[in-house]
């Protein structure tokens, strides 16, 4: 990808870019800058730019407790979808998951994000759970696992 630059966010300006991409794609769970700072301490975050234009962001959540499950999430802003950026972000996230010792790879998609769900299914993920963050919430989330334990 000519001109695509993917980096871990350093400083508030890049964290705000990560926050913007996250909040645009997942408006049902908007994060404050403090939320993003906290996530950056426990997760591997990256921001993607085409030259200097924000394209999207990623999150790689390391295994929790004694689990060997790593969650990878690639988000691409609507204007940049269908150009291969999602695949590049996803593949980078998979490499990061492997460095964390992943035995199982999962992802989480907002049910209303049909592009994101289609992308996950196309890349071998299968739905394992559909849920709401809060009881009575109208927003549904989908957890998907990479089929065949291809971690």
N, C-alpha and C. Protein backbone atom coordinates (compact mmCIF):
# COMPACT_ATOMS: atom_id res chain seq x y z
N UNK A 1 0.84 -1.17 0.00
CA UNK A 1 0.00 0.00 0.00
C UNK A 1 0.90 1.24 0.00
N UNK A 2 0.97 1.92 -1.07
CA UNK A 2 1.79 3.11 -1.17
C UNK A 2 1.22 4.21 -0.28
N UNK A 3 2.09 4.75 0.58
CA UNK A 3 1.68 5.86 1.43
C UNK A 3 0.99 5.46 2.72
N UNK A 4 0.68 4.17 2.93
CA UNK A 4 0.01 3.76 4.17
C UNK A 4 1.04 3.67 5.28
N UNK A 5 0.75 4.36 6.38
CA UNK A 5 1.63 4.39 7.54
C UNK A 5 0.82 3.94 8.74
N UNK A 6 1.33 2.96 9.46
CA UNK A 6 0.63 2.42 10.62
C UNK A 6 1.57 2.50 11.81
N UNK A 7 1.12 3.15 12.88
CA UNK A 7 1.98 3.39 14.04
C UNK A 7 1.20 3.24 15.34
N UNK A 8 1.94 2.91 16.40
CA UNK A 8 1.35 3.00 17.73
C UNK A 8 1.19 4.48 18.04
N UNK A 9 0.05 4.86 18.61
CA UNK A 9 -0.14 6.28 18.93
C UNK A 9 0.82 6.75 20.03
N UNK A 10 1.49 7.86 19.74
CA UNK A 10 2.39 8.50 20.69
C UNK A 10 1.86 9.91 20.90
N UNK A 11 1.50 10.23 22.10
CA UNK A 11 1.00 11.56 22.41
C UNK A 11 -0.50 11.70 22.15
N UNK A 12 -1.03 12.78 22.68
CA UNK A 12 -2.48 12.98 22.61
C UNK A 12 -3.02 13.17 21.19
N UNK A 13 -2.24 13.77 20.30
CA UNK A 13 -2.74 13.99 18.93
C UNK A 13 -3.06 12.66 18.26
N UNK A 14 -2.15 11.69 18.38
CA UNK A 14 -2.40 10.38 17.76
C UNK A 14 -3.47 9.60 18.52
N UNK A 15 -3.49 9.74 19.84
CA UNK A 15 -4.56 9.09 20.61
C UNK A 15 -5.92 9.66 20.22
N UNK A 16 -5.97 10.96 19.94
CA UNK A 16 -7.24 11.57 19.48
C UNK A 16 -7.63 11.04 18.10
N UNK A 17 -6.65 10.77 17.24
CA UNK A 17 -6.97 10.16 15.94
C UNK A 17 -7.54 8.77 16.14
N UNK A 18 -6.92 7.97 17.01
CA UNK A 18 -7.44 6.63 17.31
C UNK A 18 -8.86 6.76 17.85
N UNK A 19 -9.05 7.68 18.78
CA UNK A 19 -10.37 7.92 19.38
C UNK A 19 -11.40 8.29 18.31
N UNK A 20 -11.01 9.17 17.40
CA UNK A 20 -11.94 9.60 16.34
C UNK A 20 -12.38 8.41 15.49
N UNK A 21 -11.42 7.61 15.03
CA UNK A 21 -11.77 6.45 14.19
C UNK A 21 -12.66 5.49 14.97
N UNK A 22 -12.32 5.21 16.20
CA UNK A 22 -13.14 4.33 17.03
C UNK A 22 -14.56 4.88 17.18
N UNK A 23 -14.67 6.14 17.56
CA UNK A 23 -15.98 6.71 17.86
C UNK A 23 -16.86 6.88 16.63
N UNK A 24 -16.26 7.12 15.47
CA UNK A 24 -17.04 7.23 14.23
C UNK A 24 -17.59 5.85 13.85
N UNK A 25 -16.78 4.82 14.01
CA UNK A 25 -17.18 3.47 13.60
C UNK A 25 -18.05 2.81 14.66
N UNK A 26 -17.85 3.18 15.92
CA UNK A 26 -18.62 2.58 17.01
C UNK A 26 -19.27 3.69 17.84
N UNK A 27 -20.21 4.41 17.24
CA UNK A 27 -20.83 5.54 17.96
C UNK A 27 -21.62 5.10 19.20
N UNK A 28 -22.02 3.86 19.23
CA UNK A 28 -22.80 3.36 20.38
C UNK A 28 -21.94 3.20 21.62
N UNK A 29 -20.63 3.26 21.46
CA UNK A 29 -19.72 3.09 22.60
C UNK A 29 -18.58 4.08 22.49
N UNK A 30 -18.95 5.37 22.40
CA UNK A 30 -17.95 6.42 22.25
C UNK A 30 -17.05 6.48 23.48
N UNK A 31 -15.77 6.70 23.23
CA UNK A 31 -14.77 6.74 24.29
C UNK A 31 -14.24 8.16 24.46
N UNK A 32 -13.97 8.53 25.70
CA UNK A 32 -13.31 9.80 25.97
C UNK A 32 -11.81 9.63 25.76
N UNK A 33 -11.09 10.73 25.74
CA UNK A 33 -9.64 10.64 25.60
C UNK A 33 -9.03 9.90 26.79
N UNK A 34 -9.58 10.10 27.98
CA UNK A 34 -9.08 9.37 29.15
C UNK A 34 -9.31 7.87 28.99
N UNK A 35 -10.47 7.49 28.42
CA UNK A 35 -10.74 6.06 28.15
C UNK A 35 -9.67 5.50 27.20
N UNK A 36 -9.34 6.26 26.18
CA UNK A 36 -8.36 5.80 25.19
C UNK A 36 -6.98 5.68 25.82
N UNK A 37 -6.62 6.65 26.65
CA UNK A 37 -5.33 6.57 27.35
C UNK A 37 -5.26 5.29 28.18
N UNK A 38 -6.33 4.97 28.87
CA UNK A 38 -6.37 3.77 29.71
C UNK A 38 -6.26 2.51 28.85
N UNK A 39 -6.95 2.48 27.73
CA UNK A 39 -6.87 1.33 26.82
C UNK A 39 -5.46 1.15 26.26
N UNK A 40 -4.79 2.26 26.02
CA UNK A 40 -3.44 2.19 25.47
C UNK A 40 -2.47 1.56 26.47
N UNK A 41 -2.80 1.59 27.74
CA UNK A 41 -1.95 0.97 28.76
C UNK A 41 -2.09 -0.55 28.78
N UNK A 42 -3.28 -1.05 28.43
CA UNK A 42 -3.51 -2.50 28.53
C UNK A 42 -3.64 -3.21 27.19
N UNK A 43 -3.81 -2.47 26.11
CA UNK A 43 -3.96 -3.06 24.77
C UNK A 43 -2.91 -2.50 23.83
N UNK A 44 -2.70 -3.21 22.72
CA UNK A 44 -1.82 -2.71 21.66
C UNK A 44 -2.70 -1.94 20.67
N UNK A 45 -2.54 -0.64 20.61
CA UNK A 45 -3.32 0.21 19.70
C UNK A 45 -2.44 0.68 18.56
N UNK A 46 -3.03 0.80 17.37
CA UNK A 46 -2.33 1.39 16.23
C UNK A 46 -3.28 2.31 15.48
N UNK A 47 -2.69 3.29 14.81
CA UNK A 47 -3.44 4.24 13.98
C UNK A 47 -2.87 4.16 12.57
N UNK A 48 -3.75 4.20 11.56
CA UNK A 48 -3.33 4.10 10.17
C UNK A 48 -3.63 5.40 9.43
N UNK A 49 -2.66 5.82 8.64
CA UNK A 49 -2.78 7.04 7.83
C UNK A 49 -2.39 6.73 6.40
N UNK A 50 -3.10 7.32 5.46
CA UNK A 50 -2.72 7.31 4.06
C UNK A 50 -2.09 8.67 3.82
N UNK A 51 -0.78 8.68 3.67
CA UNK A 51 -0.01 9.92 3.74
C UNK A 51 -0.33 10.54 5.10
N UNK A 52 -1.03 11.65 5.17
CA UNK A 52 -1.36 12.26 6.46
C UNK A 52 -2.85 12.20 6.77
N UNK A 53 -3.61 11.42 6.01
CA UNK A 53 -5.06 11.32 6.20
C UNK A 53 -5.38 10.08 7.03
N UNK A 54 -6.15 10.26 8.09
CA UNK A 54 -6.54 9.16 8.95
C UNK A 54 -7.39 8.15 8.18
N UNK A 55 -6.99 6.87 8.24
CA UNK A 55 -7.69 5.79 7.55
C UNK A 55 -8.45 4.91 8.53
N UNK A 56 -7.85 4.64 9.69
CA UNK A 56 -8.50 3.76 10.66
C UNK A 56 -7.60 3.49 11.84
N UNK A 57 -7.96 2.47 12.60
CA UNK A 57 -7.20 2.12 13.79
C UNK A 57 -7.38 0.65 14.12
N UNK A 58 -6.54 0.14 15.01
CA UNK A 58 -6.65 -1.25 15.44
C UNK A 58 -6.53 -1.33 16.96
N UNK A 59 -7.05 -2.43 17.47
CA UNK A 59 -6.88 -2.80 18.88
C UNK A 59 -6.53 -4.27 18.91
N UNK A 60 -5.50 -4.62 19.68
CA UNK A 60 -5.19 -6.02 19.95
C UNK A 60 -5.22 -6.15 21.47
N UNK A 61 -6.19 -6.93 21.95
CA UNK A 61 -6.32 -7.16 23.39
C UNK A 61 -5.56 -8.43 23.75
N UNK A 62 -4.61 -8.33 24.67
CA UNK A 62 -3.84 -9.52 25.06
C UNK A 62 -4.71 -10.51 25.83
N UNK A 63 -4.22 -11.72 25.99
CA UNK A 63 -4.98 -12.73 26.73
C UNK A 63 -5.28 -12.25 28.15
N UNK A 64 -6.47 -12.55 28.62
CA UNK A 64 -6.86 -12.22 29.98
C UNK A 64 -6.69 -13.46 30.86
N UNK A 65 -6.28 -13.24 32.09
CA UNK A 65 -6.11 -14.32 33.06
C UNK A 65 -5.18 -15.40 32.49
N UNK A 66 -5.60 -16.64 32.54
CA UNK A 66 -4.79 -17.75 32.02
C UNK A 66 -5.21 -18.15 30.61
N UNK A 67 -5.99 -17.32 29.97
CA UNK A 67 -6.49 -17.60 28.63
C UNK A 67 -5.36 -17.43 27.60
N UNK A 68 -5.55 -18.06 26.46
CA UNK A 68 -4.63 -17.85 25.34
C UNK A 68 -5.39 -17.23 24.17
N UNK A 69 -6.51 -16.56 24.51
CA UNK A 69 -7.35 -15.92 23.50
C UNK A 69 -6.96 -14.45 23.37
N UNK A 70 -6.68 -14.04 22.13
CA UNK A 70 -6.35 -12.65 21.83
C UNK A 70 -7.45 -12.11 20.92
N UNK A 71 -7.90 -10.90 21.23
CA UNK A 71 -8.93 -10.24 20.43
C UNK A 71 -8.27 -9.22 19.52
N UNK A 72 -8.58 -9.30 18.23
CA UNK A 72 -8.07 -8.34 17.25
C UNK A 72 -9.24 -7.58 16.64
N UNK A 73 -9.08 -6.28 16.54
CA UNK A 73 -10.14 -5.44 15.97
C UNK A 73 -9.50 -4.44 15.01
N UNK A 74 -9.93 -4.47 13.77
CA UNK A 74 -9.46 -3.52 12.75
C UNK A 74 -10.64 -2.64 12.35
N UNK A 75 -10.44 -1.34 12.39
CA UNK A 75 -11.50 -0.39 12.03
C UNK A 75 -11.00 0.50 10.90
N UNK A 76 -11.80 0.59 9.83
CA UNK A 76 -11.45 1.45 8.69
C UNK A 76 -12.60 2.41 8.47
N UNK A 77 -12.28 3.70 8.39
CA UNK A 77 -13.30 4.71 8.13
C UNK A 77 -13.96 4.45 6.78
N UNK A 78 -15.23 4.75 6.70
CA UNK A 78 -16.05 4.42 5.53
C UNK A 78 -15.42 4.87 4.21
N UNK A 79 -14.88 6.06 4.16
CA UNK A 79 -14.31 6.59 2.90
C UNK A 79 -13.12 5.78 2.40
N UNK A 80 -12.54 4.94 3.26
CA UNK A 80 -11.33 4.20 2.89
C UNK A 80 -11.56 2.69 2.80
N UNK A 81 -12.81 2.27 2.89
CA UNK A 81 -13.10 0.84 2.82
C UNK A 81 -13.03 0.36 1.37
N UNK A 82 -12.80 -0.94 1.22
CA UNK A 82 -12.75 -1.55 -0.11
C UNK A 82 -11.47 -1.28 -0.86
N UNK A 83 -10.43 -0.82 -0.16
CA UNK A 83 -9.16 -0.50 -0.82
C UNK A 83 -8.01 -1.36 -0.30
N UNK A 84 -8.33 -2.35 0.54
CA UNK A 84 -7.30 -3.24 1.07
C UNK A 84 -6.72 -2.82 2.41
N UNK A 85 -7.12 -1.67 2.92
CA UNK A 85 -6.57 -1.20 4.19
C UNK A 85 -6.99 -2.10 5.35
N UNK A 86 -8.24 -2.54 5.34
CA UNK A 86 -8.73 -3.41 6.41
C UNK A 86 -7.94 -4.70 6.47
N UNK A 87 -7.64 -5.27 5.32
CA UNK A 87 -6.85 -6.50 5.28
C UNK A 87 -5.45 -6.26 5.83
N UNK A 88 -4.84 -5.15 5.45
CA UNK A 88 -3.50 -4.86 5.97
C UNK A 88 -3.52 -4.65 7.49
N UNK A 89 -4.51 -3.93 7.98
CA UNK A 89 -4.62 -3.72 9.43
C UNK A 89 -4.89 -5.03 10.16
N UNK A 90 -5.77 -5.83 9.59
CA UNK A 90 -6.10 -7.13 10.19
C UNK A 90 -4.85 -8.04 10.24
N UNK A 91 -4.11 -8.11 9.15
CA UNK A 91 -2.92 -8.97 9.11
C UNK A 91 -1.86 -8.49 10.11
N UNK A 92 -1.70 -7.19 10.27
CA UNK A 92 -0.77 -6.66 11.29
C UNK A 92 -1.25 -7.06 12.68
N UNK A 93 -2.55 -6.98 12.90
CA UNK A 93 -3.12 -7.35 14.20
C UNK A 93 -2.90 -8.82 14.49
N UNK A 94 -3.05 -9.67 13.47
CA UNK A 94 -2.79 -11.10 13.65
C UNK A 94 -1.33 -11.35 14.05
N UNK A 95 -0.40 -10.66 13.40
CA UNK A 95 1.02 -10.82 13.75
C UNK A 95 1.25 -10.42 15.19
N UNK A 96 0.63 -9.33 15.62
CA UNK A 96 0.76 -8.89 17.00
C UNK A 96 0.16 -9.93 17.94
N UNK A 97 -0.97 -10.51 17.57
CA UNK A 97 -1.60 -11.55 18.39
C UNK A 97 -0.67 -12.74 18.56
N UNK A 98 0.01 -13.12 17.51
CA UNK A 98 0.95 -14.24 17.58
C UNK A 98 2.11 -13.94 18.54
N UNK A 99 2.58 -12.69 18.54
CA UNK A 99 3.66 -12.34 19.46
C UNK A 99 3.20 -12.41 20.91
N UNK A 100 1.88 -12.32 21.13
CA UNK A 100 1.32 -12.41 22.48
C UNK A 100 0.99 -13.85 22.86
N UNK A 101 1.31 -14.80 21.98
CA UNK A 101 1.07 -16.21 22.28
C UNK A 101 -0.34 -16.69 22.03
N UNK A 102 -1.05 -16.07 21.13
CA UNK A 102 -2.44 -16.43 20.86
C UNK A 102 -2.58 -17.89 20.42
N UNK A 103 -3.47 -18.59 21.05
CA UNK A 103 -3.90 -19.92 20.63
C UNK A 103 -5.25 -19.82 19.93
N UNK A 104 -6.03 -18.82 20.33
CA UNK A 104 -7.36 -18.56 19.78
C UNK A 104 -7.42 -17.07 19.44
N UNK A 105 -7.99 -16.75 18.27
CA UNK A 105 -8.16 -15.37 17.84
C UNK A 105 -9.65 -15.07 17.79
N UNK A 106 -10.04 -13.97 18.44
CA UNK A 106 -11.43 -13.52 18.38
C UNK A 106 -11.46 -12.08 17.90
N UNK A 107 -12.66 -11.66 17.51
CA UNK A 107 -12.90 -10.26 17.19
C UNK A 107 -14.28 -9.91 17.71
N UNK A 108 -14.55 -8.62 17.80
CA UNK A 108 -15.85 -8.13 18.26
C UNK A 108 -16.32 -7.10 17.24
N UNK A 109 -17.59 -7.23 16.84
CA UNK A 109 -18.16 -6.33 15.84
C UNK A 109 -19.51 -5.82 16.35
N UNK A 110 -19.75 -4.56 16.18
CA UNK A 110 -21.06 -3.99 16.45
C UNK A 110 -22.03 -4.59 15.44
N UNK A 111 -23.14 -5.15 15.90
CA UNK A 111 -24.07 -5.86 15.01
C UNK A 111 -24.54 -4.99 13.84
N UNK A 112 -24.67 -3.70 14.06
CA UNK A 112 -25.14 -2.81 12.98
C UNK A 112 -24.05 -2.49 11.96
N UNK A 113 -22.81 -2.88 12.23
CA UNK A 113 -21.69 -2.64 11.30
C UNK A 113 -21.64 -3.79 10.29
N UNK A 114 -22.50 -3.73 9.30
CA UNK A 114 -22.60 -4.82 8.33
C UNK A 114 -21.30 -5.00 7.54
N UNK A 115 -20.60 -3.91 7.25
CA UNK A 115 -19.31 -4.03 6.55
C UNK A 115 -18.30 -4.78 7.41
N UNK A 116 -18.23 -4.43 8.69
CA UNK A 116 -17.30 -5.09 9.60
C UNK A 116 -17.64 -6.56 9.78
N UNK A 117 -18.92 -6.87 9.89
CA UNK A 117 -19.34 -8.26 10.05
C UNK A 117 -19.02 -9.05 8.79
N UNK A 118 -19.29 -8.49 7.64
CA UNK A 118 -18.98 -9.15 6.36
C UNK A 118 -17.47 -9.40 6.24
N UNK A 119 -16.67 -8.42 6.64
CA UNK A 119 -15.21 -8.56 6.60
C UNK A 119 -14.76 -9.72 7.49
N UNK A 120 -15.27 -9.77 8.71
CA UNK A 120 -14.88 -10.83 9.65
C UNK A 120 -15.27 -12.21 9.10
N UNK A 121 -16.47 -12.34 8.60
CA UNK A 121 -16.92 -13.63 8.06
C UNK A 121 -16.08 -14.03 6.86
N UNK A 122 -15.76 -13.08 6.00
CA UNK A 122 -14.93 -13.34 4.82
C UNK A 122 -13.54 -13.84 5.20
N UNK A 123 -13.05 -13.40 6.37
CA UNK A 123 -11.71 -13.79 6.81
C UNK A 123 -11.71 -15.00 7.74
N UNK A 124 -12.81 -15.74 7.75
CA UNK A 124 -12.83 -17.02 8.46
C UNK A 124 -13.35 -17.00 9.88
N UNK A 125 -13.90 -15.89 10.33
CA UNK A 125 -14.46 -15.83 11.67
C UNK A 125 -15.89 -16.36 11.67
N UNK A 126 -16.29 -16.98 12.77
CA UNK A 126 -17.67 -17.46 12.94
C UNK A 126 -18.22 -16.89 14.25
N UNK A 127 -19.48 -16.57 14.22
CA UNK A 127 -20.13 -15.99 15.40
C UNK A 127 -20.19 -16.99 16.54
N UNK A 128 -19.80 -16.53 17.73
CA UNK A 128 -19.88 -17.38 18.93
C UNK A 128 -20.84 -16.81 19.97
N UNK A 129 -21.08 -15.50 19.91
CA UNK A 129 -21.94 -14.89 20.93
C UNK A 129 -22.49 -13.58 20.41
N UNK A 130 -23.74 -13.32 20.76
CA UNK A 130 -24.39 -12.04 20.47
C UNK A 130 -24.91 -11.53 21.80
N UNK A 131 -24.60 -10.29 22.14
CA UNK A 131 -24.93 -9.81 23.48
C UNK A 131 -25.11 -8.29 23.51
N UNK A 132 -25.58 -7.81 24.65
CA UNK A 132 -25.69 -6.38 24.92
C UNK A 132 -24.76 -6.07 26.09
N UNK A 133 -24.11 -4.90 26.05
CA UNK A 133 -23.21 -4.53 27.14
C UNK A 133 -23.98 -4.29 28.43
N UNK A 134 -25.14 -3.68 28.30
CA UNK A 134 -25.98 -3.39 29.47
C UNK A 134 -27.35 -4.02 29.28
N UNK A 135 -27.93 -4.56 30.35
CA UNK A 135 -29.28 -5.14 30.23
C UNK A 135 -30.26 -4.11 29.67
N UNK A 136 -31.06 -4.55 28.71
CA UNK A 136 -32.04 -3.67 28.09
C UNK A 136 -31.48 -2.74 27.03
N UNK A 137 -30.18 -2.80 26.80
CA UNK A 137 -29.54 -1.96 25.78
C UNK A 137 -30.06 -2.37 24.41
N UNK A 138 -30.21 -1.42 23.51
CA UNK A 138 -30.68 -1.74 22.16
C UNK A 138 -29.52 -2.07 21.22
N UNK A 139 -28.30 -1.85 21.66
CA UNK A 139 -27.12 -2.10 20.85
C UNK A 139 -26.65 -3.54 21.08
N UNK A 140 -26.45 -4.26 19.98
CA UNK A 140 -25.98 -5.64 20.07
C UNK A 140 -24.56 -5.74 19.53
N UNK A 141 -23.78 -6.57 20.20
CA UNK A 141 -22.39 -6.84 19.83
C UNK A 141 -22.28 -8.30 19.44
N UNK A 142 -21.33 -8.60 18.59
CA UNK A 142 -21.11 -9.98 18.16
C UNK A 142 -19.65 -10.33 18.40
N UNK A 143 -19.43 -11.42 19.12
CA UNK A 143 -18.07 -11.97 19.26
C UNK A 143 -17.94 -13.07 18.23
N UNK A 144 -16.84 -13.04 17.51
CA UNK A 144 -16.57 -14.04 16.48
C UNK A 144 -15.19 -14.65 16.75
N UNK A 145 -15.06 -15.92 16.43
CA UNK A 145 -13.80 -16.64 16.63
C UNK A 145 -13.28 -17.09 15.28
N UNK A 146 -11.97 -16.99 15.11
CA UNK A 146 -11.36 -17.44 13.87
C UNK A 146 -11.53 -18.96 13.78
N UNK A 147 -12.21 -19.41 12.76
CA UNK A 147 -12.55 -20.82 12.60
C UNK A 147 -11.30 -21.68 12.42
N UNK A 148 -11.36 -22.88 12.93
CA UNK A 148 -10.27 -23.82 12.75
C UNK A 148 -9.09 -23.56 13.65
N UNK A 149 -9.29 -22.65 14.63
CA UNK A 149 -8.21 -22.34 15.57
C UNK A 149 -6.94 -21.99 14.80
N UNK A 150 -7.09 -21.13 13.80
CA UNK A 150 -5.99 -20.77 12.91
C UNK A 150 -5.02 -19.75 13.48
N UNK A 151 -5.02 -19.61 14.79
CA UNK A 151 -4.10 -18.66 15.39
C UNK A 151 -2.69 -19.08 15.12
